[in-house]
Amino acid sequence: MRALGRGLWNTGDRGIIDGLLVNGSARVVGWVAAVSRHLQSGFIYHYAFAMIIGIMALVTFFVLIPQ
């Protein structure tokens, strides 16, 4: 019984809960922050250009969707 409990603790608690849910979500947030840091320049024309590209993508998407 003790070995079963220890195995479940290692796999379930340490591996899944701590490894994926707690530390994994922290790693994902760190990765997203590192990527988005490069996307933010502080120049308004960069943001305006990104908005225009996004609007063009949405219009293209809705025009090309078969009715």
PDB file of N, CA and C in Angstrom:
ATOM      1  N   MET A   1       0.815  -1.190   0.000  1.00  0.00           N
ATOM      2  CA  MET A   1       0.000   0.000   0.000  1.00  0.00           C
ATOM      3  C   MET A   1       0.860   1.255   0.000  1.00  0.00           C
ATOM      4  N   ARG A   2       1.921   1.212   0.761  1.00  0.00           N
ATOM      5  CA  ARG A   2       2.785   2.380   0.837  1.00  0.00           C
ATOM      6  C   ARG A   2       3.435   2.669  -0.518  1.00  0.00           C
ATOM      7  N   ALA A   3       3.837   1.603  -1.228  1.00  0.00           N
ATOM      8  CA  ALA A   3       4.453   1.783  -2.545  1.00  0.00           C
ATOM      9  C   ALA A   3       3.439   2.345  -3.545  1.00  0.00           C
ATOM     10  N   LEU A   4       2.207   1.891  -3.458  1.00  0.00           N
ATOM     11  CA  LEU A   4       1.166   2.410  -4.338  1.00  0.00           C
ATOM     12  C   LEU A   4       0.919   3.894  -4.066  1.00  0.00           C
ATOM     13  N   GLY A   5       0.835   4.246  -2.805  1.00  0.00           N
ATOM     14  CA  GLY A   5       0.639   5.647  -2.438  1.00  0.00           C
ATOM     15  C   GLY A   5       1.793   6.518  -2.890  1.00  0.00           C
ATOM     16  N   ARG A   6       3.011   6.017  -2.722  1.00  0.00           N
ATOM     17  CA  ARG A   6       4.187   6.778  -3.141  1.00  0.00           C
ATOM     18  C   ARG A   6       4.215   6.929  -4.666  1.00  0.00           C
ATOM     19  N   GLY A   7       3.827   5.872  -5.375  1.00  0.00           N
ATOM     20  CA  GLY A   7       3.785   5.944  -6.838  1.00  0.00           C
ATOM     21  C   GLY A   7       2.739   6.935  -7.335  1.00  0.00           C
ATOM     22  N   LEU A   8       1.563   6.908  -6.715  1.00  0.00           N
ATOM     23  CA  LEU A   8       0.529   7.867  -7.093  1.00  0.00           C
ATOM     24  C   LEU A   8       0.941   9.293  -6.748  1.00  0.00           C
ATOM     25  N   TRP A   9       1.641   9.460  -5.627  1.00  0.00           N
ATOM     26  CA  TRP A   9       2.102  10.788  -5.239  1.00  0.00           C
ATOM     27  C   TRP A   9       3.122  11.305  -6.243  1.00  0.00           C
ATOM     28  N   ASN A  10       4.073  10.451  -6.628  1.00  0.00           N
ATOM     29  CA  ASN A  10       5.086  10.876  -7.594  1.00  0.00           C
ATOM     30  C   ASN A  10       4.463  11.192  -8.948  1.00  0.00           C
ATOM     31  N   THR A  11       3.580  10.329  -9.400  1.00  0.00           N
ATOM     32  CA  THR A  11       2.998  10.518 -10.727  1.00  0.00           C
ATOM     33  C   THR A  11       1.924  11.596 -10.721  1.00  0.00           C
ATOM     34  N   GLY A  12       0.976  11.466  -9.831  1.00  0.00           N
ATOM     35  CA  GLY A  12      -0.168  12.373  -9.830  1.00  0.00           C
ATOM     36  C   GLY A  12       0.148  13.753  -9.301  1.00  0.00           C
ATOM     37  N   ASP A  13       0.686  13.799  -8.085  1.00  0.00           N
ATOM     38  CA  ASP A  13       0.895  15.092  -7.441  1.00  0.00           C
ATOM     39  C   ASP A  13       2.101  15.822  -8.017  1.00  0.00           C
ATOM     40  N   ARG A  14       3.230  15.169  -8.008  1.00  0.00           N
ATOM     41  CA  ARG A  14       4.446  15.844  -8.479  1.00  0.00           C
ATOM     42  C   ARG A  14       4.478  15.980  -9.994  1.00  0.00           C
ATOM     43  N   GLY A  15       4.063  14.936 -10.694  1.00  0.00           N
ATOM     44  CA  GLY A  15       4.161  14.956 -12.151  1.00  0.00           C
ATOM     45  C   GLY A  15       3.089  15.776 -12.832  1.00  0.00           C
ATOM     46  N   ILE A  16       1.837  15.504 -12.485  1.00  0.00           N
ATOM     47  CA  ILE A  16       0.733  16.149 -13.197  1.00  0.00           C
ATOM     48  C   ILE A  16       0.367  17.489 -12.570  1.00  0.00           C
ATOM     49  N   ILE A  17       0.073  17.493 -11.273  1.00  0.00           N
ATOM     50  CA  ILE A  17      -0.395  18.730 -10.645  1.00  0.00           C
ATOM     51  C   ILE A  17       0.723  19.763 -10.574  1.00  0.00           C
ATOM     52  N   ASP A  18       1.852  19.400  -9.967  1.00  0.00           N
ATOM     53  CA  ASP A  18       2.945  20.362  -9.852  1.00  0.00           C
ATOM     54  C   ASP A  18       3.644  20.594 -11.188  1.00  0.00           C
ATOM     55  N   GLY A  19       3.878  19.533 -11.932  1.00  0.00           N
ATOM     56  CA  GLY A  19       4.641  19.658 -13.167  1.00  0.00           C
ATOM     57  C   GLY A  19       3.893  20.355 -14.278  1.00  0.00           C
ATOM     58  N   LEU A  20       2.672  19.931 -14.539  1.00  0.00           N
ATOM     59  CA  LEU A  20       1.920  20.495 -15.661  1.00  0.00           C
ATOM     60  C   LEU A  20       1.071  21.695 -15.266  1.00  0.00           C
ATOM     61  N   LEU A  21       0.296  21.554 -14.217  1.00  0.00           N
ATOM     62  CA  LEU A  21      -0.666  22.601 -13.893  1.00  0.00           C
ATOM     63  C   LEU A  21      -0.015  23.826 -13.263  1.00  0.00           C
ATOM     64  N   VAL A  22       0.799  23.638 -12.250  1.00  0.00           N
ATOM     65  CA  VAL A  22       1.371  24.779 -11.534  1.00  0.00           C
ATOM     66  C   VAL A  22       2.579  25.329 -12.284  1.00  0.00           C
ATOM     67  N   ASN A  23       3.609  24.523 -12.427  1.00  0.00           N
ATOM     68  CA  ASN A  23       4.829  25.003 -13.071  1.00  0.00           C
ATOM     69  C   ASN A  23       4.662  25.133 -14.579  1.00  0.00           C
ATOM     70  N   GLY A  24       3.845  24.282 -15.172  1.00  0.00           N
ATOM     71  CA  GLY A  24       3.618  24.364 -16.611  1.00  0.00           C
ATOM     72  C   GLY A  24       2.912  25.646 -17.007  1.00  0.00           C
ATOM     73  N   SER A  25       1.900  26.039 -16.239  1.00  0.00           N
ATOM     74  CA  SER A  25       1.206  27.286 -16.561  1.00  0.00           C
ATOM     75  C   SER A  25       2.116  28.490 -16.348  1.00  0.00           C
ATOM     76  N   ALA A  26       2.995  28.439 -15.357  1.00  0.00           N
ATOM     77  CA  ALA A  26       3.950  29.529 -15.152  1.00  0.00           C
ATOM     78  C   ALA A  26       4.927  29.615 -16.318  1.00  0.00           C
ATOM     79  N   ARG A  27       5.348  28.465 -16.852  1.00  0.00           N
ATOM     80  CA  ARG A  27       6.240  28.473 -18.016  1.00  0.00           C
ATOM     81  C   ARG A  27       5.545  29.045 -19.242  1.00  0.00           C
ATOM     82  N   VAL A  28       4.274  28.720 -19.425  1.00  0.00           N
ATOM     83  CA  VAL A  28       3.527  29.240 -20.573  1.00  0.00           C
ATOM     84  C   VAL A  28       3.381  30.755 -20.472  1.00  0.00           C
ATOM     85  N   VAL A  29       3.084  31.266 -19.289  1.00  0.00           N
ATOM     86  CA  VAL A  29       2.962  32.712 -19.100  1.00  0.00           C
ATOM     87  C   VAL A  29       4.295  33.390 -19.383  1.00  0.00           C
ATOM     88  N   GLY A  30       5.391  32.816 -18.911  1.00  0.00           N
ATOM     89  CA  GLY A  30       6.711  33.373 -19.189  1.00  0.00           C
ATOM     90  C   GLY A  30       7.035  33.374 -20.668  1.00  0.00           C
ATOM     91  N   TRP A  31       6.662  32.303 -21.368  1.00  0.00           N
ATOM     92  CA  TRP A  31       6.920  32.214 -22.806  1.00  0.00           C
ATOM     93  C   TRP A  31       6.096  33.249 -23.572  1.00  0.00           C
ATOM     94  N   VAL A  32       4.813  33.389 -23.217  1.00  0.00           N
ATOM     95  CA  VAL A  32       3.953  34.370 -23.885  1.00  0.00           C
ATOM     96  C   VAL A  32       4.465  35.783 -23.625  1.00  0.00           C
ATOM     97  N   ALA A  33       4.923  36.059 -22.420  1.00  0.00           N
ATOM     98  CA  ALA A  33       5.470  37.379 -22.108  1.00  0.00           C
ATOM     99  C   ALA A  33       6.735  37.652 -22.910  1.00  0.00           C
ATOM    100  N   ALA A  34       7.591  36.647 -23.067  1.00  0.00           N
ATOM    101  CA  ALA A  34       8.822  36.834 -23.840  1.00  0.00           C
ATOM    102  C   ALA A  34       8.514  37.096 -25.307  1.00  0.00           C
ATOM    103  N   VAL A  35       7.519  36.408 -25.849  1.00  0.00           N
ATOM    104  CA  VAL A  35       7.153  36.618 -27.259  1.00  0.00           C
ATOM    105  C   VAL A  35       6.494  37.978 -27.437  1.00  0.00           C
ATOM    106  N   SER A  36       5.567  38.327 -26.558  1.00  0.00           N
ATOM    107  CA  SER A  36       4.856  39.593 -26.715  1.00  0.00           C
ATOM    108  C   SER A  36       5.749  40.796 -26.441  1.00  0.00           C
ATOM    109  N   ARG A  37       6.815  40.620 -25.701  1.00  0.00           N
ATOM    110  CA  ARG A  37       7.751  41.711 -25.458  1.00  0.00           C
ATOM    111  C   ARG A  37       8.378  42.183 -26.769  1.00  0.00           C
ATOM    112  N   HIS A  38       8.614  41.254 -27.690  1.00  0.00           N
ATOM    113  CA  HIS A  38       9.200  41.615 -28.977  1.00  0.00           C
ATOM    114  C   HIS A  38       8.178  42.265 -29.908  1.00  0.00           C
ATOM    115  N   LEU A  39       6.904  41.999 -29.677  1.00  0.00           N
ATOM    116  CA  LEU A  39       5.863  42.566 -30.529  1.00  0.00           C
ATOM    117  C   LEU A  39       5.507  43.996 -30.141  1.00  0.00           C
ATOM    118  N   GLN A  40       5.836  44.395 -28.927  1.00  0.00           N
ATOM    119  CA  GLN A  40       5.476  45.727 -28.456  1.00  0.00           C
ATOM    120  C   GLN A  40       6.651  46.673 -28.659  1.00  0.00           C
ATOM    121  N   SER A  41       6.422  47.693 -29.490  1.00  0.00           N
ATOM    122  CA  SER A  41       7.497  48.630 -29.785  1.00  0.00           C
ATOM    123  C   SER A  41       7.263  49.991 -29.145  1.00  0.00           C
ATOM    124  N   GLY A  42       6.020  50.331 -28.891  1.00  0.00           N
ATOM    125  CA  GLY A  42       5.699  51.639 -28.348  1.00  0.00           C
ATOM    126  C   GLY A  42       5.374  52.662 -29.416  1.00  0.00           C
ATOM    127  N   PHE A  43       5.539  52.302 -30.676  1.00  0.00           N
ATOM    128  CA  PHE A  43       5.224  53.217 -31.768  1.00  0.00           C
ATOM    129  C   PHE A  43       3.790  52.987 -32.220  1.00  0.00           C
ATOM    130  N   ILE A  44       3.024  54.074 -32.299  1.00  0.00           N
ATOM    131  CA  ILE A  44       1.605  53.959 -32.622  1.00  0.00           C
ATOM    132  C   ILE A  44       1.388  53.419 -34.024  1.00  0.00           C
ATOM    133  N   TYR A  45       2.282  53.731 -34.954  1.00  0.00           N
ATOM    134  CA  TYR A  45       2.071  53.253 -36.322  1.00  0.00           C
ATOM    135  C   TYR A  45       2.246  51.742 -36.425  1.00  0.00           C
ATOM    136  N   HIS A  46       3.020  51.133 -35.532  1.00  0.00           N
ATOM    137  CA  HIS A  46       3.112  49.670 -35.526  1.00  0.00           C
ATOM    138  C   HIS A  46       1.782  49.047 -35.111  1.00  0.00           C
ATOM    139  N   TYR A  47       1.155  49.634 -34.101  1.00  0.00           N
ATOM    140  CA  TYR A  47      -0.127  49.119 -33.637  1.00  0.00           C
ATOM    141  C   TYR A  47      -1.222  49.350 -34.676  1.00  0.00           C
ATOM    142  N   ALA A  48      -1.193  50.517 -35.337  1.00  0.00           N
ATOM    143  CA  ALA A  48      -2.175  50.800 -36.388  1.00  0.00           C
ATOM    144  C   ALA A  48      -2.007  49.827 -37.549  1.00  0.00           C
ATOM    145  N   PHE A  49      -0.778  49.531 -37.915  1.00  0.00           N
ATOM    146  CA  PHE A  49      -0.521  48.582 -38.995  1.00  0.00           C
ATOM    147  C   PHE A  49      -1.035  47.191 -38.621  1.00  0.00           C
ATOM    148  N   ALA A  50      -0.812  46.783 -37.384  1.00  0.00           N
ATOM    149  CA  ALA A  50      -1.296  45.476 -36.933  1.00  0.00           C
ATOM    150  C   ALA A  50      -2.822  45.430 -36.952  1.00  0.00           C
ATOM    151  N   MET A  51      -3.482  46.535 -36.581  1.00  0.00           N
ATOM    152  CA  MET A  51      -4.940  46.572 -36.622  1.00  0.00           C
ATOM    153  C   MET A  51      -5.452  46.488 -38.055  1.00  0.00           C
ATOM    154  N   ILE A  52      -4.782  47.164 -38.993  1.00  0.00           N
ATOM    155  CA  ILE A  52      -5.192  47.107 -40.395  1.00  0.00           C
ATOM    156  C   ILE A  52      -5.035  45.692 -40.932  1.00  0.00           C
ATOM    157  N   ILE A  53      -3.931  45.044 -40.608  1.00  0.00           N
ATOM    158  CA  ILE A  53      -3.713  43.660 -41.040  1.00  0.00           C
ATOM    159  C   ILE A  53      -4.801  42.751 -40.455  1.00  0.00           C
ATOM    160  N   GLY A  54      -5.151  42.950 -39.191  1.00  0.00           N
ATOM    161  CA  GLY A  54      -6.195  42.149 -38.559  1.00  0.00           C
ATOM    162  C   GLY A  54      -7.556  42.356 -39.199  1.00  0.00           C
ATOM    163  N   ILE A  55      -7.881  43.603 -39.515  1.00  0.00           N
ATOM    164  CA  ILE A  55      -9.161  43.886 -40.177  1.00  0.00           C
ATOM    165  C   ILE A  55      -9.190  43.253 -41.561  1.00  0.00           C
ATOM    166  N   MET A  56      -8.078  43.355 -42.286  1.00  0.00           N
ATOM    167  CA  MET A  56      -8.008  42.728 -43.611  1.00  0.00           C
ATOM    168  C   MET A  56      -8.160  41.212 -43.507  1.00  0.00           C
ATOM    169  N   ALA A  57      -7.570  40.611 -42.493  1.00  0.00           N
ATOM    170  CA  ALA A  57      -7.693  39.165 -42.305  1.00  0.00           C
ATOM    171  C   ALA A  57      -9.136  38.780 -41.998  1.00  0.00           C
ATOM    172  N   LEU A  58      -9.813  39.553 -41.155  1.00  0.00           N
ATOM    173  CA  LEU A  58     -11.215  39.265 -40.845  1.00  0.00           C
ATOM    174  C   LEU A  58     -12.109  39.417 -42.071  1.00  0.00           C
ATOM    175  N   VAL A  59     -11.911  40.492 -42.831  1.00  0.00           N
ATOM    176  CA  VAL A  59     -12.714  40.694 -44.037  1.00  0.00           C
ATOM    177  C   VAL A  59     -12.480  39.554 -45.017  1.00  0.00           C
ATOM    178  N   THR A  60     -11.226  39.175 -45.215  1.00  0.00           N
ATOM    179  CA  THR A  60     -10.907  38.067 -46.115  1.00  0.00           C
ATOM    180  C   THR A  60     -11.554  36.777 -45.630  1.00  0.00           C
ATOM    181  N   PHE A  61     -11.499  36.533 -44.338  1.00  0.00           N
ATOM    182  CA  PHE A  61     -12.090  35.325 -43.767  1.00  0.00           C
ATOM    183  C   PHE A  61     -13.587  35.269 -44.027  1.00  0.00           C
ATOM    184  N   PHE A  62     -14.285  36.377 -43.767  1.00  0.00           N
ATOM    185  CA  PHE A  62     -15.735  36.373 -43.923  1.00  0.00           C
ATOM    186  C   PHE A  62     -16.164  36.393 -45.387  1.00  0.00           C
ATOM    187  N   VAL A  63     -15.345  36.930 -46.263  1.00  0.00           N
ATOM    188  CA  VAL A  63     -15.681  36.921 -47.686  1.00  0.00           C
ATOM    189  C   VAL A  63     -15.494  35.527 -48.266  1.00  0.00           C
ATOM    190  N   LEU A  64     -14.473  34.820 -47.813  1.00  0.00           N
ATOM    191  CA  LEU A  64     -14.160  33.517 -48.380  1.00  0.00           C
ATOM    192  C   LEU A  64     -14.941  32.360 -47.768  1.00  0.00           C
ATOM    193  N   ILE A  65     -15.677  32.610 -46.695  1.00  0.00           N
ATOM    194  CA  ILE A  65     -16.475  31.535 -46.080  1.00  0.00           C
ATOM    195  C   ILE A  65     -17.624  31.194 -47.020  1.00  0.00           C
ATOM    196  N   PRO A  66     -17.768  29.917 -47.353  1.00  0.00           N
ATOM    197  CA  PRO A  66     -18.897  29.546 -48.221  1.00  0.00           C
ATOM    198  C   PRO A  66     -20.221  29.731 -47.487  1.00  0.00           C
ATOM    199  N   GLN A  67     -21.160  30.284 -48.188  1.00  0.00           N
ATOM    200  CA  GLN A  67     -22.473  30.575 -47.591  1.00  0.00           C
ATOM    201  C   GLN A  67     -23.307  29.338 -47.472  1.00  0.00           C
TER     202      GLN A  67
END
